[in-house]
Amino acid sequence: MISGTGGGGVSRVDRLPWRRVLVRGASMVPALRDGDVLLVRMGREPAPGDVVLVRWPARPQQLSVKRAVRPESGGWHVEGDNAFGSTDSRELGPARVVGVAGWRLWPRPRRLP
């Protein structure tokens, strides 16, 4: 999970082409861990299997890092890699993808699959 920015309107996170994102929680273990830093391309269309940054209609101020599974009407079905530690589309329904993670910057920098 990633905390969103302030109230209504378009937030700063939605306007920047690249964004550093800090992973919080264990929903993406083993691929990503709490404290990992990702480089996310904002506004990029995802493909199934991509690590994505999403917003939930039911939680508009919350940003989450999940894995894109498939497009659905109303957004994307996304899931955490850790099924036992993730709140995702299985509970919240489709999410709106706001960016696609391409790199883990910290620790052990590497391109994400």
Protein backbone atom coordinates (compact mmCIF):
# COMPACT_ATOMS: atom_id res chain seq x y z
CA MET A 1 0.00 0.00 0.00
CA ILE A 2 1.09 3.56 -0.74
CA SER A 3 -0.55 6.58 0.86
CA GLY A 4 -2.23 8.99 -1.55
CA THR A 5 -2.06 12.75 -1.56
CA GLY A 6 -4.57 15.29 -0.25
CA GLY A 7 -8.25 15.90 -1.07
CA GLY A 8 -10.21 16.47 -4.28
CA GLY A 9 -9.03 17.37 -7.75
CA VAL A 10 -6.06 16.02 -9.69
CA SER A 11 -3.19 15.25 -7.37
CA ARG A 12 0.47 15.85 -8.11
CA VAL A 13 1.07 12.10 -8.44
CA ASP A 14 -1.26 12.01 -11.47
CA ARG A 15 0.67 14.72 -13.39
CA LEU A 16 4.31 13.59 -13.24
CA PRO A 17 5.61 11.22 -15.96
CA TRP A 18 7.93 9.29 -13.58
CA ARG A 19 7.44 8.78 -9.87
CA ARG A 20 9.45 7.10 -7.12
CA VAL A 21 7.16 4.94 -5.02
CA LEU A 22 7.88 3.41 -1.62
CA VAL A 23 6.37 -0.04 -1.11
CA ARG A 24 4.63 -0.43 2.27
CA GLY A 25 3.40 -3.77 3.56
CA ALA A 26 3.78 -7.39 2.51
CA SER A 27 1.16 -7.72 -0.24
CA MET A 28 3.76 -8.16 -3.01
CA VAL A 29 6.11 -10.62 -1.26
CA PRO A 30 8.19 -12.36 -2.59
CA ALA A 31 8.70 -10.07 -5.62
CA LEU A 32 8.72 -6.84 -3.57
CA ARG A 33 9.14 -6.16 0.12
CA ASP A 34 8.26 -3.41 2.57
CA GLY A 35 10.74 -0.57 2.01
CA ASP A 36 11.50 -1.28 -1.66
CA VAL A 37 11.57 1.81 -3.87
CA LEU A 38 10.14 1.56 -7.40
CA LEU A 39 10.32 3.79 -10.45
CA VAL A 40 6.82 4.08 -11.92
CA ARG A 41 5.90 5.48 -15.34
CA MET A 42 2.66 7.39 -14.78
CA GLY A 43 -0.13 7.09 -17.35
CA ARG A 44 1.34 4.02 -19.07
CA GLU A 45 -1.03 1.27 -20.21
CA PRO A 46 -0.37 -1.99 -18.36
CA ALA A 47 -0.09 -5.50 -19.71
CA PRO A 48 -1.04 -8.62 -17.74
CA GLY A 49 1.80 -9.46 -15.35
CA ASP A 50 3.03 -5.87 -14.92
CA VAL A 51 3.58 -4.42 -11.45
CA VAL A 52 1.24 -1.44 -11.31
CA LEU A 53 0.32 1.53 -9.14
CA VAL A 54 -3.46 1.68 -8.70
CA ARG A 55 -6.28 3.66 -7.12
CA TRP A 56 -9.50 2.07 -5.87
CA PRO A 57 -12.90 3.73 -6.44
CA ALA A 58 -13.84 2.78 -2.87
CA ARG A 59 -10.57 4.26 -1.50
CA PRO A 60 -9.73 7.21 -3.81
CA GLN A 61 -6.96 8.63 -1.61
CA GLN A 62 -5.09 5.31 -1.32
CA LEU A 63 -2.48 4.17 -3.82
CA SER A 64 -1.48 0.50 -3.93
CA VAL A 65 1.19 -1.54 -5.69
CA LYS A 66 -0.23 -4.73 -7.20
CA ARG A 67 0.17 -7.03 -10.19
CA ALA A 68 -2.09 -6.51 -13.23
CA VAL A 69 -4.03 -9.68 -14.00
CA ARG A 70 -6.58 -8.73 -16.67
CA PRO A 71 -8.59 -5.76 -17.91
CA GLU A 72 -12.21 -5.61 -16.75
CA SER A 73 -15.00 -3.18 -17.32
CA GLY A 74 -14.32 -0.36 -14.92
CA GLY A 75 -10.56 -0.92 -14.71
CA TRP A 76 -8.13 -3.75 -14.10
CA HIS A 77 -8.33 -6.85 -11.95
CA VAL A 78 -5.16 -6.64 -9.85
CA GLU A 79 -3.81 -8.90 -7.13
CA GLY A 80 -0.96 -8.90 -4.66
CA ASP A 81 1.63 -11.66 -5.08
CA ASN A 82 1.04 -12.59 -1.43
CA ALA A 83 -2.55 -13.89 -1.51
CA PHE A 84 -2.66 -14.17 2.29
CA GLY A 85 -1.49 -10.60 2.92
CA SER A 86 -3.15 -8.57 0.18
CA THR A 87 -6.34 -6.57 -0.13
CA ASP A 88 -6.95 -6.35 -3.87
CA SER A 89 -9.54 -6.81 -6.63
CA ARG A 90 -10.78 -10.01 -5.00
CA GLU A 91 -12.28 -7.78 -2.29
CA LEU A 92 -12.37 -4.27 -3.80
CA GLY A 93 -13.25 -4.96 -7.44
CA PRO A 94 -11.51 -3.39 -10.45
CA ALA A 95 -8.85 -0.75 -9.86
CA ARG A 96 -7.77 2.22 -11.96
CA VAL A 97 -4.14 1.82 -13.03
CA VAL A 98 -2.27 5.12 -12.73
CA GLY A 99 1.21 3.83 -13.62
CA VAL A 100 3.41 0.85 -14.42
CA ALA A 101 6.54 0.05 -12.37
CA GLY A 102 9.57 -0.60 -14.55
CA TRP A 103 12.44 -0.69 -12.05
CA ARG A 104 13.17 -1.41 -8.43
CA LEU A 105 15.61 1.32 -7.37
CA TRP A 106 16.27 0.17 -3.80
CA PRO A 107 17.55 -2.24 -2.59
CA ARG A 108 19.34 -4.21 -5.32
CA PRO A 109 18.29 -2.16 -8.36
CA ARG A 110 16.87 -4.23 -11.22
CA ARG A 111 14.32 -4.10 -14.00
CA LEU A 112 10.97 -5.58 -13.06
CA PRO A 113 9.51 -8.37 -15.17
